[in-house]
Amino acid sequence: MIGFPLRLNYNQQDYVYYIISAPSKKNKIIEILLDSKNYTLILDEHKLWIEKEPEENRSLEPGLILAISRAVTLRYPI
């Protein structure tokens, strides 16, 4: 379910993304829509959010993943 657009400023650039699937205590996965592309972020064993199966030509920067995951987990605590 896609909700309202969320804004994030990272490295002097604004990003608008949508949360497709929010994390929970059982499901530690975030699905977002950013720049008309779906991305899946998962919580690894070191408690860091990483992109699941990134494609070479459209992977996200680790800093942007961290910023998005922090913003999402503030809304949906796990």
C-alpha atoms as a PDB file:
ATOM      1  CA  MET A   1       0.000   0.000   0.000  1.00  0.00           C
ATOM      2  CA  ILE A   2       1.532   3.269  -1.071  1.00  0.00           C
ATOM      3  CA  GLY A   3       0.850   6.200   1.206  1.00  0.00           C
ATOM      4  CA  PHE A   4       1.659   9.838   0.889  1.00  0.00           C
ATOM      5  CA  PRO A   5       5.049  11.041  -0.424  1.00  0.00           C
ATOM      6  CA  LEU A   6       7.864  11.481   2.086  1.00  0.00           C
ATOM      7  CA  ARG A   7      10.715  13.928   1.582  1.00  0.00           C
ATOM      8  CA  LEU A   8      14.323  13.509   2.559  1.00  0.00           C
ATOM      9  CA  ASN A   9      17.291  15.819   2.082  1.00  0.00           C
ATOM     10  CA  TYR A  10      20.581  13.970   1.592  1.00  0.00           C
ATOM     11  CA  ASN A  11      23.830  15.560   0.376  1.00  0.00           C
ATOM     12  CA  GLN A  12      22.141  18.837  -0.541  1.00  0.00           C
ATOM     13  CA  GLN A  13      19.600  17.016  -2.730  1.00  0.00           C
ATOM     14  CA  ASP A  14      15.899  16.414  -2.085  1.00  0.00           C
ATOM     15  CA  TYR A  15      14.459  12.929  -2.524  1.00  0.00           C
ATOM     16  CA  VAL A  16      10.790  11.984  -2.553  1.00  0.00           C
ATOM     17  CA  TYR A  17       9.952   8.375  -1.760  1.00  0.00           C
ATOM     18  CA  TYR A  18       6.925   6.271  -0.893  1.00  0.00           C
ATOM     19  CA  ILE A  19       6.777   3.436   1.617  1.00  0.00           C
ATOM     20  CA  ILE A  20       5.326   0.355  -0.059  1.00  0.00           C
ATOM     21  CA  SER A  21       5.860  -2.023   2.853  1.00  0.00           C
ATOM     22  CA  ALA A  22       6.804  -0.888   6.345  1.00  0.00           C
ATOM     23  CA  PRO A  23       8.967  -2.878   8.758  1.00  0.00           C
ATOM     24  CA  SER A  24       7.598  -4.688  11.783  1.00  0.00           C
ATOM     25  CA  LYS A  25       8.975  -6.792  14.607  1.00  0.00           C
ATOM     26  CA  LYS A  26       8.468  -9.961  12.549  1.00  0.00           C
ATOM     27  CA  ASN A  27       9.294  -8.591   9.112  1.00  0.00           C
ATOM     28  CA  LYS A  28      12.440  -6.471   9.072  1.00  0.00           C
ATOM     29  CA  ILE A  29      12.083  -5.417   5.449  1.00  0.00           C
ATOM     30  CA  ILE A  30      11.377  -1.969   4.016  1.00  0.00           C
ATOM     31  CA  GLU A  31      10.060  -1.638   0.484  1.00  0.00           C
ATOM     32  CA  ILE A  32      10.142   1.841  -1.012  1.00  0.00           C
ATOM     33  CA  LEU A  33       9.414   3.530  -4.305  1.00  0.00           C
ATOM     34  CA  LEU A  34      12.075   6.091  -5.205  1.00  0.00           C
ATOM     35  CA  ASP A  35      12.446   7.708  -8.631  1.00  0.00           C
ATOM     36  CA  SER A  36       9.790   5.349 -10.055  1.00  0.00           C
ATOM     37  CA  LYS A  37      11.854   2.297  -9.038  1.00  0.00           C
ATOM     38  CA  ASN A  38      11.188  -0.236  -6.281  1.00  0.00           C
ATOM     39  CA  TYR A  39      13.903  -0.901  -3.725  1.00  0.00           C
ATOM     40  CA  THR A  40      13.942  -3.467  -0.935  1.00  0.00           C
ATOM     41  CA  LEU A  41      15.988  -2.768   2.190  1.00  0.00           C
ATOM     42  CA  ILE A  42      16.704  -5.508   4.718  1.00  0.00           C
ATOM     43  CA  LEU A  43      18.198  -5.476   8.199  1.00  0.00           C
ATOM     44  CA  ASP A  44      21.378  -7.582   8.206  1.00  0.00           C
ATOM     45  CA  GLU A  45      22.966  -9.493  11.083  1.00  0.00           C
ATOM     46  CA  HIS A  46      24.974  -6.403  12.114  1.00  0.00           C
ATOM     47  CA  LYS A  47      21.750  -4.383  12.505  1.00  0.00           C
ATOM     48  CA  LEU A  48      22.529  -2.291   9.401  1.00  0.00           C
ATOM     49  CA  TRP A  49      20.063  -1.678   6.619  1.00  0.00           C
ATOM     50  CA  ILE A  50      21.302  -2.835   3.221  1.00  0.00           C
ATOM     51  CA  GLU A  51      19.749  -3.069  -0.204  1.00  0.00           C
ATOM     52  CA  LYS A  52      18.519  -6.538  -1.098  1.00  0.00           C
ATOM     53  CA  GLU A  53      19.826  -7.721  -4.467  1.00  0.00           C
ATOM     54  CA  PRO A  54      20.986  -4.354  -5.845  1.00  0.00           C
ATOM     55  CA  GLU A  55      21.238  -4.018  -9.585  1.00  0.00           C
ATOM     56  CA  GLU A  56      24.499  -2.583 -10.880  1.00  0.00           C
ATOM     57  CA  ASN A  57      22.993   0.361 -12.720  1.00  0.00           C
ATOM     58  CA  ARG A  58      20.468   1.405 -10.077  1.00  0.00           C
ATOM     59  CA  SER A  59      21.856   0.670  -6.623  1.00  0.00           C
ATOM     60  CA  LEU A  60      21.490   3.208  -3.844  1.00  0.00           C
ATOM     61  CA  GLU A  61      24.340   4.883  -1.983  1.00  0.00           C
ATOM     62  CA  PRO A  62      24.916   3.403   1.497  1.00  0.00           C
ATOM     63  CA  GLY A  63      24.465   6.856   3.065  1.00  0.00           C
ATOM     64  CA  LEU A  64      21.108   7.331   1.333  1.00  0.00           C
ATOM     65  CA  ILE A  65      20.004   3.865   2.494  1.00  0.00           C
ATOM     66  CA  LEU A  66      20.950   4.815   6.053  1.00  0.00           C
ATOM     67  CA  ALA A  67      19.069   8.126   5.857  1.00  0.00           C
ATOM     68  CA  ILE A  68      15.917   6.506   4.448  1.00  0.00           C
ATOM     69  CA  SER A  69      15.998   3.635   6.952  1.00  0.00           C
ATOM     70  CA  ARG A  70      16.384   6.050   9.865  1.00  0.00           C
ATOM     71  CA  ALA A  71      13.438   8.125   8.668  1.00  0.00           C
ATOM     72  CA  VAL A  72      11.252   5.040   8.155  1.00  0.00           C
ATOM     73  CA  THR A  73      12.122   3.385  11.473  1.00  0.00           C
ATOM     74  CA  LEU A  74      11.248   6.612  13.288  1.00  0.00           C
ATOM     75  CA  ARG A  75       7.725   6.256  11.887  1.00  0.00           C
ATOM     76  CA  TYR A  76       7.544   2.466  12.297  1.00  0.00           C
ATOM     77  CA  PRO A  77       9.611   1.375  15.323  1.00  0.00           C
ATOM     78  CA  ILE A  78      10.777  -2.230  15.272  1.00  0.00           C
END
